[in-house]
Amino acid sequence: MDKKILKERQKAFDSLPPAIRDCLSSEEKQLFLTADQWPDELFQKLDEFIITE
């Protein structure tokens, strides 16, 4: 993954409310930042912050 995408994902992660960030496991945080595809469980936790096209 290129550095631009990592920076964008880090910015998105940092913009999440602290309560949401804190409920994610370290594995989920890593998936948020680097995964090409998120597991359903992560989508469910972030449901209200995801915009679908």
Protein backbone atom coordinates (compact mmCIF):
# COMPACT_ATOMS: atom_id res chain seq x y z
CA MET A 1 0.00 0.00 0.00
CA ASP A 2 1.43 3.36 -0.91
CA LYS A 3 2.20 6.07 1.63
CA LYS A 4 -0.55 8.39 0.38
CA ILE A 5 -3.24 5.81 1.08
CA LEU A 6 -1.73 5.07 4.50
CA LYS A 7 -1.78 8.78 5.37
CA GLU A 8 -5.41 9.08 4.24
CA ARG A 9 -6.43 6.07 6.28
CA GLN A 10 -4.54 7.35 9.33
CA LYS A 11 -6.31 10.70 8.97
CA ALA A 12 -9.68 8.91 8.72
CA PHE A 13 -8.85 6.76 11.75
CA ASP A 14 -7.79 9.81 13.78
CA SER A 15 -11.07 11.55 12.91
CA LEU A 16 -13.17 8.77 14.47
CA PRO A 17 -14.66 9.58 17.88
CA PRO A 18 -12.43 8.38 20.74
CA ALA A 19 -15.09 5.94 21.95
CA ILE A 20 -15.12 4.21 18.55
CA ARG A 21 -11.32 4.14 18.26
CA ASP A 22 -11.06 2.68 21.76
CA CYS A 23 -13.52 -0.13 21.03
CA LEU A 24 -11.36 -1.46 18.19
CA SER A 25 -8.84 -4.17 18.94
CA SER A 26 -5.24 -3.67 17.85
CA GLU A 27 -5.89 -6.18 15.04
CA GLU A 28 -8.92 -4.19 13.86
CA LYS A 29 -6.91 -0.96 13.96
CA GLN A 30 -4.28 -2.58 11.77
CA LEU A 31 -6.96 -3.83 9.37
CA PHE A 32 -8.50 -0.35 9.24
CA LEU A 33 -5.16 1.13 8.24
CA THR A 34 -3.83 -1.50 5.86
CA ALA A 35 -6.36 -4.10 4.67
CA ASP A 36 -7.59 -4.18 1.10
CA GLN A 37 -10.86 -5.64 2.36
CA TRP A 38 -12.33 -5.27 5.84
CA PRO A 39 -14.07 -8.12 7.64
CA ASP A 40 -17.81 -7.75 8.26
CA GLU A 41 -17.21 -7.30 11.99
CA LEU A 42 -15.18 -4.14 11.37
CA PHE A 43 -17.84 -2.78 9.00
CA GLN A 44 -20.46 -3.33 11.70
CA LYS A 45 -18.45 -1.40 14.29
CA LEU A 46 -17.91 1.49 11.86
CA ASP A 47 -21.35 1.33 10.23
CA GLU A 48 -22.41 4.91 10.97
CA PHE A 49 -19.13 6.33 9.60
CA ILE A 50 -19.03 4.48 6.28
CA ILE A 51 -20.31 6.14 3.13
CA THR A 52 -21.28 3.74 0.37
CA GLU A 53 -21.16 4.75 -3.26
